[in-house]
Amino acid sequence: TATEFSRADVDRKAALIKEALGSYGVEASVVQINVGPTVTQFGIEPGWDKKYRDIKERDENGNVKVRREDVSRTRVKVERIVSLSNDLALALAAPSLRIEAPVPGKSMVGIEVPNAAFGLVSMREIGESSAFQKLLAKSKLTVALGKGAGGEPALADLARMPHLLIAGATGSGKTVCLNSIIACLLMHNTPDEVQFLMVDPKRVELVQYNMIPHLVSSVIVESSKAIAAMRWLNAEMDERYRKLAAVGARNIDAYNKSPKDGRRLPYTVLVIDELADLMMAQAGEVEPLICRLAQL
């Protein structure tokens, strides 16, 4: 469901931000408001620092009047707004806020304030967005990651990474993110296009995928078998490089346009849950294999 929010509450926060900045001598105006599922981004346009001089003039009655005119104006420095982050959080009664200075591609500073109630982001909503469909037309390894601070779809092309480490505190959503990535790849690829090799030492997160036809082997739960699987992957990488070199291709997409023996190469996606546990159990063997896979 989309985030439910009160327009009056958002306008109140915008007025508080402008008032708080003004009380510290920073002229600024709120030019854009983007409501996301967990935070609302207020786009702030810095104002001007003005210097004045007083000019004394006499009117026709001989009375002295003082007229003030601008001597110079300089744009308010972004650093002054960034330095007031704690004061803005206090004014908004927010536990914390993030300032993006400047917002990429826009001439404004983004102040992200947490919402009182968090909204849910469904994969279908992101998958049906025009941004997702546009990226999917270019790459079959497009994955949905959620929504950005302004409510825009957050997407990624796994082929362009192509290595991804998901880290975070307990309960921060690592497993949900991992399942979303796997689900996106399964939805848009056949077993001939993408194959998976999954390692799950905890035996609770990835074993549910044992029935899918995309697996190279059943989900690996033993550390010793995980080492053997990564050795196989290293050998597979070397073999694929030889195949690419034979036809003068730089990547799998180029190779699949004119495969040498008529067989297309599928993408192979290695998924490891709890990599830290695996490295602690088999540190001496896992680290060299992971490093070489990353380099290849």
C-alpha atoms as a PDB file:
ATOM      1  CA  THR A   1       0.000   0.000   0.000  1.00  0.00           C
ATOM      2  CA  ALA A   2       1.159   3.516  -0.672  1.00  0.00           C
ATOM      3  CA  THR A   3       2.259   5.700   2.188  1.00  0.00           C
ATOM      4  CA  GLU A   4      -0.617   7.551   3.783  1.00  0.00           C
ATOM      5  CA  PHE A   5       0.304  11.071   4.748  1.00  0.00           C
ATOM      6  CA  SER A   6      -1.364  14.282   5.741  1.00  0.00           C
ATOM      7  CA  ARG A   7      -0.792  17.217   3.416  1.00  0.00           C
ATOM      8  CA  ALA A   8      -1.220  19.542   6.371  1.00  0.00           C
ATOM      9  CA  ASP A   9       1.486  17.704   8.317  1.00  0.00           C
ATOM     10  CA  VAL A  10       3.920  17.907   5.397  1.00  0.00           C
ATOM     11  CA  ASP A  11       3.201  21.618   4.918  1.00  0.00           C
ATOM     12  CA  ARG A  12       3.720  22.157   8.654  1.00  0.00           C
ATOM     13  CA  LYS A  13       7.133  20.511   8.500  1.00  0.00           C
ATOM     14  CA  ALA A  14       8.075  22.593   5.458  1.00  0.00           C
ATOM     15  CA  ALA A  15       7.135  25.767   7.336  1.00  0.00           C
ATOM     16  CA  LEU A  16       9.132  24.615  10.379  1.00  0.00           C
ATOM     17  CA  ILE A  17      12.225  24.004   8.229  1.00  0.00           C
ATOM     18  CA  LYS A  18      12.001  27.467   6.659  1.00  0.00           C
ATOM     19  CA  GLU A  19      11.406  29.084  10.059  1.00  0.00           C
ATOM     20  CA  ALA A  20      14.277  27.194  11.714  1.00  0.00           C
ATOM     21  CA  LEU A  21      16.720  28.120   8.957  1.00  0.00           C
ATOM     22  CA  GLY A  22      15.570  31.733   9.096  1.00  0.00           C
ATOM     23  CA  SER A  23      16.140  31.905  12.856  1.00  0.00           C
ATOM     24  CA  TYR A  24      19.817  31.072  12.210  1.00  0.00           C
ATOM     25  CA  GLY A  25      20.130  33.730   9.532  1.00  0.00           C
ATOM     26  CA  VAL A  26      19.865  31.370   6.574  1.00  0.00           C
ATOM     27  CA  GLU A  27      17.427  32.500   3.909  1.00  0.00           C
ATOM     28  CA  ALA A  28      15.930  29.502   2.086  1.00  0.00           C
ATOM     29  CA  SER A  29      12.678  28.328   0.575  1.00  0.00           C
ATOM     30  CA  VAL A  30      11.074  24.898   0.159  1.00  0.00           C
ATOM     31  CA  VAL A  31      10.665  24.370  -3.592  1.00  0.00           C
ATOM     32  CA  GLN A  32       9.861  20.651  -3.761  1.00  0.00           C
ATOM     33  CA  ILE A  33       8.407  17.939  -1.507  1.00  0.00           C
ATOM     34  CA  ASN A  34       8.811  14.235  -2.339  1.00  0.00           C
ATOM     35  CA  VAL A  35       7.017  11.766  -0.084  1.00  0.00           C
ATOM     36  CA  GLY A  36       8.670   8.335   0.098  1.00  0.00           C
ATOM     37  CA  PRO A  37       7.711   5.176   2.004  1.00  0.00           C
ATOM     38  CA  THR A  38       9.932   5.899   5.030  1.00  0.00           C
ATOM     39  CA  VAL A  39      11.162   9.476   4.609  1.00  0.00           C
ATOM     40  CA  THR A  40       9.917  12.707   3.095  1.00  0.00           C
ATOM     41  CA  GLN A  41      12.434  14.749   1.137  1.00  0.00           C
ATOM     42  CA  PHE A  42      12.118  18.529   1.310  1.00  0.00           C
ATOM     43  CA  GLY A  43      13.931  20.302  -1.523  1.00  0.00           C
ATOM     44  CA  ILE A  44      15.504  23.508  -0.185  1.00  0.00           C
ATOM     45  CA  GLU A  45      16.674  26.289  -2.488  1.00  0.00           C
ATOM     46  CA  PRO A  46      19.299  28.459  -0.753  1.00  0.00           C
ATOM     47  CA  GLY A  47      18.533  32.162  -0.685  1.00  0.00           C
ATOM     48  CA  TRP A  48      20.888  35.132  -0.631  1.00  0.00           C
ATOM     49  CA  ASP A  49      23.149  36.779   1.883  1.00  0.00           C
ATOM     50  CA  LYS A  50      22.606  40.501   1.335  1.00  0.00           C
ATOM     51  CA  LYS A  51      24.644  43.463   2.434  1.00  0.00           C
ATOM     52  CA  TYR A  52      22.949  46.838   2.745  1.00  0.00           C
ATOM     53  CA  ARG A  53      23.926  50.434   3.164  1.00  0.00           C
ATOM     54  CA  ASP A  54      21.841  53.274   4.518  1.00  0.00           C
ATOM     55  CA  ILE A  55      21.485  56.375   2.360  1.00  0.00           C
ATOM     56  CA  LYS A  56      20.230  59.574   4.007  1.00  0.00           C
ATOM     57  CA  GLU A  57      18.117  61.853   1.846  1.00  0.00           C
ATOM     58  CA  ARG A  58      16.095  64.987   2.437  1.00  0.00           C
ATOM     59  CA  ASP A  59      12.597  65.334   1.118  1.00  0.00           C
ATOM     60  CA  GLU A  60      11.072  68.561  -0.158  1.00  0.00           C
ATOM     61  CA  ASN A  61      10.197  69.549   3.404  1.00  0.00           C
ATOM     62  CA  GLY A  62      13.792  69.239   4.512  1.00  0.00           C
ATOM     63  CA  ASN A  63      13.192  66.129   6.619  1.00  0.00           C
ATOM     64  CA  VAL A  64      15.940  63.523   6.644  1.00  0.00           C
ATOM     65  CA  LYS A  65      14.857  60.076   5.497  1.00  0.00           C
ATOM     66  CA  VAL A  66      16.952  56.937   5.458  1.00  0.00           C
ATOM     67  CA  ARG A  67      16.724  54.653   2.470  1.00  0.00           C
ATOM     68  CA  ARG A  68      18.321  51.203   2.469  1.00  0.00           C
ATOM     69  CA  GLU A  69      19.670  49.663  -0.715  1.00  0.00           C
ATOM     70  CA  ASP A  70      21.523  46.453  -1.584  1.00  0.00           C
ATOM     71  CA  VAL A  71      25.274  46.688  -1.849  1.00  0.00           C
ATOM     72  CA  SER A  72      25.955  43.046  -2.729  1.00  0.00           C
ATOM     73  CA  ARG A  73      24.278  39.638  -2.692  1.00  0.00           C
ATOM     74  CA  THR A  74      25.921  36.232  -2.480  1.00  0.00           C
ATOM     75  CA  ARG A  75      24.221  32.853  -2.530  1.00  0.00           C
ATOM     76  CA  VAL A  76      23.928  31.133   0.876  1.00  0.00           C
ATOM     77  CA  LYS A  77      26.631  28.479   1.157  1.00  0.00           C
ATOM     78  CA  VAL A  78      25.438  24.866   1.229  1.00  0.00           C
ATOM     79  CA  GLU A  79      27.777  24.142   4.158  1.00  0.00           C
ATOM     80  CA  ARG A  80      25.750  26.493   6.366  1.00  0.00           C
ATOM     81  CA  ILE A  81      22.599  24.442   5.788  1.00  0.00           C
ATOM     82  CA  VAL A  82      24.439  21.127   6.327  1.00  0.00           C
ATOM     83  CA  SER A  83      25.922  22.375   9.616  1.00  0.00           C
ATOM     84  CA  LEU A  84      22.411  22.989  10.978  1.00  0.00           C
ATOM     85  CA  SER A  85      21.262  19.345  10.662  1.00  0.00           C
ATOM     86  CA  ASN A  86      21.032  18.777  14.441  1.00  0.00           C
ATOM     87  CA  ASP A  87      19.176  22.060  14.952  1.00  0.00           C
ATOM     88  CA  LEU A  88      16.693  21.161  12.220  1.00  0.00           C
ATOM     89  CA  ALA A  89      16.142  17.714  13.778  1.00  0.00           C
ATOM     90  CA  LEU A  90      15.390  19.454  17.090  1.00  0.00           C
ATOM     91  CA  ALA A  91      12.925  21.861  15.471  1.00  0.00           C
ATOM     92  CA  LEU A  92      11.112  19.014  13.704  1.00  0.00           C
ATOM     93  CA  ALA A  93      11.223  16.717  16.776  1.00  0.00           C
ATOM     94  CA  ALA A  94      12.785  14.061  14.521  1.00  0.00           C
ATOM     95  CA  PRO A  95      15.142  11.376  15.882  1.00  0.00           C
ATOM     96  CA  SER A  96      17.499  12.085  12.993  1.00  0.00           C
ATOM     97  CA  LEU A  97      17.518  13.492   9.505  1.00  0.00           C
ATOM     98  CA  ARG A  98      19.757  13.298   6.460  1.00  0.00           C
ATOM     99  CA  ILE A  99      20.857  16.195   4.306  1.00  0.00           C
ATOM    100  CA  GLU A 100      21.788  15.532   0.676  1.00  0.00           C
ATOM    101  CA  ALA A 101      23.749  18.494  -0.574  1.00  0.00           C
ATOM    102  CA  PRO A 102      23.119  18.990  -3.378  1.00  0.00           C
ATOM    103  CA  VAL A 103      20.484  16.628  -4.801  1.00  0.00           C
ATOM    104  CA  PRO A 104      22.076  15.044  -7.914  1.00  0.00           C
ATOM    105  CA  GLY A 105      20.946  16.812 -11.065  1.00  0.00           C
ATOM    106  CA  LYS A 106      19.025  19.517  -9.226  1.00  0.00           C
ATOM    107  CA  SER A 107      19.967  22.925  -7.868  1.00  0.00           C
ATOM    108  CA  MET A 108      18.595  22.284  -4.397  1.00  0.00           C
ATOM    109  CA  VAL A 109      19.525  20.752  -1.057  1.00  0.00           C
ATOM    110  CA  GLY A 110      17.518  17.706   0.041  1.00  0.00           C
ATOM    111  CA  ILE A 111      16.471  17.384   3.679  1.00  0.00           C
ATOM    112  CA  GLU A 112      15.116  13.884   4.389  1.00  0.00           C
ATOM    113  CA  VAL A 113      12.848  13.647   7.437  1.00  0.00           C
ATOM    114  CA  PRO A 114      11.547  10.255   8.695  1.00  0.00           C
ATOM    115  CA  ASN A 115       7.811   9.691   8.340  1.00  0.00           C
ATOM    116  CA  ALA A 116       5.706   9.053  11.431  1.00  0.00           C
ATOM    117  CA  ALA A 117       4.336   5.875   9.799  1.00  0.00           C
ATOM    118  CA  PHE A 118       6.239   3.747   7.319  1.00  0.00           C
ATOM    119  CA  GLY A 119       4.609   2.614   4.097  1.00  0.00           C
ATOM    120  CA  LEU A 120       4.904  -0.797   2.430  1.00  0.00           C
ATOM    121  CA  VAL A 121       6.617  -1.162  -0.938  1.00  0.00           C
ATOM    122  CA  SER A 122       5.358  -4.040  -3.068  1.00  0.00           C
ATOM    123  CA  MET A 123       7.528  -5.698  -5.686  1.00  0.00           C
ATOM    124  CA  ARG A 124       4.671  -5.581  -8.174  1.00  0.00           C
ATOM    125  CA  GLU A 125       4.445  -1.806  -7.856  1.00  0.00           C
ATOM    126  CA  ILE A 126       8.146  -1.466  -8.721  1.00  0.00           C
ATOM    127  CA  GLY A 127       8.064  -4.177 -11.394  1.00  0.00           C
ATOM    128  CA  GLU A 128       5.203  -2.490 -13.256  1.00  0.00           C
ATOM    129  CA  SER A 129       6.834   0.948 -13.204  1.00  0.00           C
ATOM    130  CA  SER A 130       8.016   2.420 -16.496  1.00  0.00           C
ATOM    131  CA  ALA A 131      11.563   2.815 -15.126  1.00  0.00           C
ATOM    132  CA  PHE A 132      11.797  -0.915 -14.368  1.00  0.00           C
ATOM    133  CA  GLN A 133      10.385  -1.934 -17.745  1.00  0.00           C
ATOM    134  CA  LYS A 134      12.780   0.415 -19.538  1.00  0.00           C
ATOM    135  CA  LEU A 135      15.829  -1.037 -17.758  1.00  0.00           C
ATOM    136  CA  LEU A 136      14.515  -4.595 -18.188  1.00  0.00           C
ATOM    137  CA  ALA A 137      14.440  -4.081 -21.965  1.00  0.00           C
ATOM    138  CA  LYS A 138      18.208  -3.446 -21.824  1.00  0.00           C
ATOM    139  CA  SER A 139      19.175  -6.114 -19.278  1.00  0.00           C
ATOM    140  CA  LYS A 140      17.474  -9.343 -18.190  1.00  0.00           C
ATOM    141  CA  LEU A 141      19.308  -9.080 -14.850  1.00  0.00           C
ATOM    142  CA  THR A 142      17.355  -6.023 -13.700  1.00  0.00           C
ATOM    143  CA  VAL A 143      16.406  -6.206 -10.018  1.00  0.00           C
ATOM    144  CA  ALA A 144      14.010  -4.126  -7.897  1.00  0.00           C
ATOM    145  CA  LEU A 145      15.480  -2.828  -4.647  1.00  0.00           C
ATOM    146  CA  GLY A 146      12.654  -0.606  -3.381  1.00  0.00           C
ATOM    147  CA  LYS A 147      11.913   3.106  -3.457  1.00  0.00           C
ATOM    148  CA  GLY A 148      14.156   6.090  -3.018  1.00  0.00           C
ATOM    149  CA  ALA A 149      13.664   8.987  -0.630  1.00  0.00           C
ATOM    150  CA  GLY A 150      11.429  10.757  -3.123  1.00  0.00           C
ATOM    151  CA  GLY A 151       9.269   7.719  -3.891  1.00  0.00           C
ATOM    152  CA  GLU A 152      11.077   6.914  -7.152  1.00  0.00           C
ATOM    153  CA  PRO A 153      11.819   3.243  -7.983  1.00  0.00           C
ATOM    154  CA  ALA A 154      15.272   2.042  -6.864  1.00  0.00           C
ATOM    155  CA  LEU A 155      16.599  -0.365  -9.484  1.00  0.00           C
ATOM    156  CA  ALA A 156      19.884  -2.048 -10.354  1.00  0.00           C
ATOM    157  CA  ASP A 157      21.375  -4.046 -13.193  1.00  0.00           C
ATOM    158  CA  LEU A 158      23.166  -7.042 -11.665  1.00  0.00           C
ATOM    159  CA  ALA A 159      25.192  -7.541 -14.856  1.00  0.00           C
ATOM    160  CA  ARG A 160      26.843  -4.147 -14.426  1.00  0.00           C
ATOM    161  CA  MET A 161      27.825  -4.619 -10.790  1.00  0.00           C
ATOM    162  CA  PRO A 162      28.419  -7.649 -10.997  1.00  0.00           C
ATOM    163  CA  HIS A 163      29.304  -8.320  -7.319  1.00  0.00           C
ATOM    164  CA  LEU A 164      26.957  -7.254  -4.545  1.00  0.00           C
ATOM    165  CA  LEU A 165      27.480  -7.396  -0.781  1.00  0.00           C
ATOM    166  CA  ILE A 166      24.340  -6.848   1.299  1.00  0.00           C
ATOM    167  CA  ALA A 167      25.209  -5.761   4.827  1.00  0.00           C
ATOM    168  CA  GLY A 168      23.251  -4.370   7.753  1.00  0.00           C
ATOM    169  CA  ALA A 169      22.166  -4.866  11.323  1.00  0.00           C
ATOM    170  CA  THR A 170      19.873  -7.688  12.392  1.00  0.00           C
ATOM    171  CA  GLY A 171      16.316  -6.974  11.292  1.00  0.00           C
ATOM    172  CA  SER A 172      17.292  -4.293   8.765  1.00  0.00           C
ATOM    173  CA  GLY A 173      15.935  -6.286   5.806  1.00  0.00           C
ATOM    174  CA  LYS A 174      18.926  -8.106   4.290  1.00  0.00           C
ATOM    175  CA  THR A 175      16.988 -11.333   3.688  1.00  0.00           C
ATOM    176  CA  VAL A 176      14.008  -9.471   2.217  1.00  0.00           C
ATOM    177  CA  CYS A 177      16.366  -7.691  -0.185  1.00  0.00           C
ATOM    178  CA  LEU A 178      18.041 -10.970  -1.151  1.00  0.00           C
ATOM    179  CA  ASN A 179      14.701 -12.700  -1.776  1.00  0.00           C
ATOM    180  CA  SER A 180      13.523  -9.723  -3.856  1.00  0.00           C
ATOM    181  CA  ILE A 181      16.624  -9.931  -6.059  1.00  0.00           C
ATOM    182  CA  ILE A 182      16.204 -13.685  -6.574  1.00  0.00           C
ATOM    183  CA  ALA A 183      12.474 -13.313  -7.300  1.00  0.00           C
ATOM    184  CA  CYS A 184      13.121 -10.616  -9.929  1.00  0.00           C
ATOM    185  CA  LEU A 185      15.653 -12.816 -11.720  1.00  0.00           C
ATOM    186  CA  LEU A 186      13.328 -15.839 -11.615  1.00  0.00           C
ATOM    187  CA  MET A 187      10.381 -13.850 -12.949  1.00  0.00           C
ATOM    188  CA  HIS A 188      12.145 -12.631 -16.080  1.00  0.00           C
ATOM    189  CA  ASN A 189      14.534 -15.466 -16.967  1.00  0.00           C
ATOM    190  CA  THR A 190      14.219 -19.110 -17.957  1.00  0.00           C
ATOM    191  CA  PRO A 191      16.660 -21.787 -16.676  1.00  0.00           C
ATOM    192  CA  ASP A 192      18.467 -21.491 -20.040  1.00  0.00           C
ATOM    193  CA  GLU A 193      19.110 -17.796 -19.419  1.00  0.00           C
ATOM    194  CA  VAL A 194      20.043 -17.705 -15.714  1.00  0.00           C
ATOM    195  CA  GLN A 195      21.211 -20.478 -13.415  1.00  0.00           C
ATOM    196  CA  PHE A 196      21.771 -20.248  -9.669  1.00  0.00           C
ATOM    197  CA  LEU A 197      24.272 -21.677  -7.246  1.00  0.00           C
ATOM    198  CA  MET A 198      23.068 -21.089  -3.684  1.00  0.00           C
ATOM    199  CA  VAL A 199      24.938 -21.514  -0.392  1.00  0.00           C
ATOM    200  CA  ASP A 200      22.950 -21.406   2.868  1.00  0.00           C
ATOM    201  CA  PRO A 201      24.963 -22.495   5.948  1.00  0.00           C
ATOM    202  CA  LYS A 202      22.035 -21.630   8.270  1.00  0.00           C
ATOM    203  CA  ARG A 203      19.692 -23.946   6.305  1.00  0.00           C
ATOM    204  CA  VAL A 204      16.705 -21.649   6.798  1.00  0.00           C
ATOM    205  CA  GLU A 205      16.812 -18.862   4.194  1.00  0.00           C
ATOM    206  CA  LEU A 206      17.602 -20.318   0.764  1.00  0.00           C
ATOM    207  CA  VAL A 207      16.534 -23.973   1.112  1.00  0.00           C
ATOM    208  CA  GLN A 208      13.042 -22.905   0.051  1.00  0.00           C
ATOM    209  CA  TYR A 209      14.413 -22.534  -3.502  1.00  0.00           C
ATOM    210  CA  ASN A 210      15.359 -26.232  -3.770  1.00  0.00           C
ATOM    211  CA  MET A 211      12.448 -26.919  -6.133  1.00  0.00           C
ATOM    212  CA  ILE A 212      13.233 -24.290  -8.796  1.00  0.00           C
ATOM    213  CA  PRO A 213      14.608 -25.570 -12.140  1.00  0.00           C
ATOM    214  CA  HIS A 214      17.236 -22.791 -12.325  1.00  0.00           C
ATOM    215  CA  LEU A 215      19.588 -24.445  -9.786  1.00  0.00           C
ATOM    216  CA  VAL A 216      22.928 -25.885 -10.891  1.00  0.00           C
ATOM    217  CA  SER A 217      22.731 -28.148  -7.837  1.00  0.00           C
ATOM    218  CA  SER A 218      20.542 -28.332  -4.750  1.00  0.00           C
ATOM    219  CA  VAL A 219      21.087 -25.574  -2.176  1.00  0.00           C
ATOM    220  CA  ILE A 220      24.458 -26.150  -0.505  1.00  0.00           C
ATOM    221  CA  VAL A 221      24.398 -26.221   3.305  1.00  0.00           C
ATOM    222  CA  GLU A 222      27.797 -27.782   4.087  1.00  0.00           C
ATOM    223  CA  SER A 223      30.917 -25.592   4.258  1.00  0.00           C
ATOM    224  CA  SER A 224      33.090 -28.209   2.560  1.00  0.00           C
ATOM    225  CA  LYS A 225      30.653 -28.471  -0.359  1.00  0.00           C
ATOM    226  CA  ALA A 226      30.554 -24.668  -0.630  1.00  0.00           C
ATOM    227  CA  ILE A 227      34.338 -24.652  -1.111  1.00  0.00           C
ATOM    228  CA  ALA A 228      34.039 -27.293  -3.841  1.00  0.00           C
ATOM    229  CA  ALA A 229      31.269 -25.272  -5.545  1.00  0.00           C
ATOM    230  CA  MET A 230      33.396 -22.119  -5.609  1.00  0.00           C
ATOM    231  CA  ARG A 231      36.337 -24.094  -7.033  1.00  0.00           C
ATOM    232  CA  TRP A 232      33.987 -25.306  -9.779  1.00  0.00           C
ATOM    233  CA  LEU A 233      32.907 -21.717 -10.418  1.00  0.00           C
ATOM    234  CA  ASN A 234      36.519 -20.609 -10.809  1.00  0.00           C
ATOM    235  CA  ALA A 235      37.092 -23.385 -13.355  1.00  0.00           C
ATOM    236  CA  GLU A 236      33.847 -22.443 -15.128  1.00  0.00           C
ATOM    237  CA  MET A 237      35.000 -18.812 -15.331  1.00  0.00           C
ATOM    238  CA  ASP A 238      38.296 -19.868 -16.938  1.00  0.00           C
ATOM    239  CA  GLU A 239      36.420 -22.025 -19.443  1.00  0.00           C
ATOM    240  CA  ARG A 240      34.044 -19.199 -20.314  1.00  0.00           C
ATOM    241  CA  TYR A 241      36.918 -16.792 -20.880  1.00  0.00           C
ATOM    242  CA  ARG A 242      38.346 -19.269 -23.370  1.00  0.00           C
ATOM    243  CA  LYS A 243      34.985 -19.471 -25.170  1.00  0.00           C
ATOM    244  CA  LEU A 244      34.663 -15.680 -25.293  1.00  0.00           C
ATOM    245  CA  ALA A 245      38.214 -15.320 -26.600  1.00  0.00           C
ATOM    246  CA  ALA A 246      37.554 -17.893 -29.342  1.00  0.00           C
ATOM    247  CA  VAL A 247      34.811 -15.739 -30.896  1.00  0.00           C
ATOM    248  CA  GLY A 248      36.283 -12.357 -29.927  1.00  0.00           C
ATOM    249  CA  ALA A 249      33.426 -11.480 -27.567  1.00  0.00           C
ATOM    250  CA  ARG A 250      33.846  -9.280 -24.511  1.00  0.00           C
ATOM    251  CA  ASN A 251      30.842 -10.511 -22.520  1.00  0.00           C
ATOM    252  CA  ILE A 252      28.052 -13.080 -22.440  1.00  0.00           C
ATOM    253  CA  ASP A 253      25.592 -10.884 -24.363  1.00  0.00           C
ATOM    254  CA  ALA A 254      28.025 -10.481 -27.247  1.00  0.00           C
ATOM    255  CA  TYR A 255      28.772 -14.219 -27.244  1.00  0.00           C
ATOM    256  CA  ASN A 256      25.097 -15.219 -27.251  1.00  0.00           C
ATOM    257  CA  LYS A 257      24.405 -13.161 -30.390  1.00  0.00           C
ATOM    258  CA  SER A 258      26.463 -15.667 -32.372  1.00  0.00           C
ATOM    259  CA  PRO A 259      27.397 -18.658 -30.166  1.00  0.00           C
ATOM    260  CA  LYS A 260      30.222 -20.744 -31.602  1.00  0.00           C
ATOM    261  CA  ASP A 261      28.606 -24.165 -31.201  1.00  0.00           C
ATOM    262  CA  GLY A 262      25.008 -22.972 -31.259  1.00  0.00           C
ATOM    263  CA  ARG A 263      24.656 -23.177 -27.459  1.00  0.00           C
ATOM    264  CA  ARG A 264      24.018 -19.957 -25.587  1.00  0.00           C
ATOM    265  CA  LEU A 265      25.780 -19.289 -22.300  1.00  0.00           C
ATOM    266  CA  PRO A 266      23.482 -18.745 -19.321  1.00  0.00           C
ATOM    267  CA  TYR A 267      24.344 -16.275 -16.605  1.00  0.00           C
ATOM    268  CA  THR A 268      25.456 -18.000 -13.411  1.00  0.00           C
ATOM    269  CA  VAL A 269      24.469 -16.233 -10.193  1.00  0.00           C
ATOM    270  CA  LEU A 270      26.182 -17.293  -6.961  1.00  0.00           C
ATOM    271  CA  VAL A 271      24.131 -16.478  -3.853  1.00  0.00           C
ATOM    272  CA  ILE A 272      25.728 -16.900  -0.414  1.00  0.00           C
ATOM    273  CA  ASP A 273      23.728 -16.297   2.741  1.00  0.00           C
ATOM    274  CA  GLU A 274      25.793 -15.451   5.851  1.00  0.00           C
ATOM    275  CA  LEU A 275      29.091 -15.038   4.022  1.00  0.00           C
ATOM    276  CA  ALA A 276      30.746 -13.964   7.292  1.00  0.00           C
ATOM    277  CA  ASP A 277      29.937 -17.321   8.906  1.00  0.00           C
ATOM    278  CA  LEU A 278      31.339 -19.196   5.929  1.00  0.00           C
ATOM    279  CA  MET A 279      34.544 -17.154   5.979  1.00  0.00           C
ATOM    280  CA  MET A 280      34.977 -17.734   9.703  1.00  0.00           C
ATOM    281  CA  ALA A 281      34.563 -21.486   9.271  1.00  0.00           C
ATOM    282  CA  GLN A 282      36.822 -21.827   6.226  1.00  0.00           C
ATOM    283  CA  ALA A 283      38.743 -18.531   6.141  1.00  0.00           C
ATOM    284  CA  GLY A 284      41.934 -19.860   4.561  1.00  0.00           C
ATOM    285  CA  GLU A 285      40.111 -21.400   1.606  1.00  0.00           C
ATOM    286  CA  VAL A 286      37.123 -19.119   1.089  1.00  0.00           C
ATOM    287  CA  GLU A 287      38.981 -15.790   0.898  1.00  0.00           C
ATOM    288  CA  PRO A 288      41.282 -16.665  -2.067  1.00  0.00           C
ATOM    289  CA  LEU A 289      38.344 -18.149  -3.994  1.00  0.00           C
ATOM    290  CA  ILE A 290      36.100 -15.122  -3.337  1.00  0.00           C
ATOM    291  CA  CYS A 291      38.916 -12.729  -4.298  1.00  0.00           C
ATOM    292  CA  ARG A 292      39.598 -14.543  -7.562  1.00  0.00           C
ATOM    293  CA  LEU A 293      35.901 -14.696  -8.484  1.00  0.00           C
ATOM    294  CA  ALA A 294      35.618 -10.962  -7.809  1.00  0.00           C
ATOM    295  CA  GLN A 295      38.666 -10.237  -9.980  1.00  0.00           C
ATOM    296  CA  LEU A 296      37.350 -12.377 -12.840  1.00  0.00           C
END
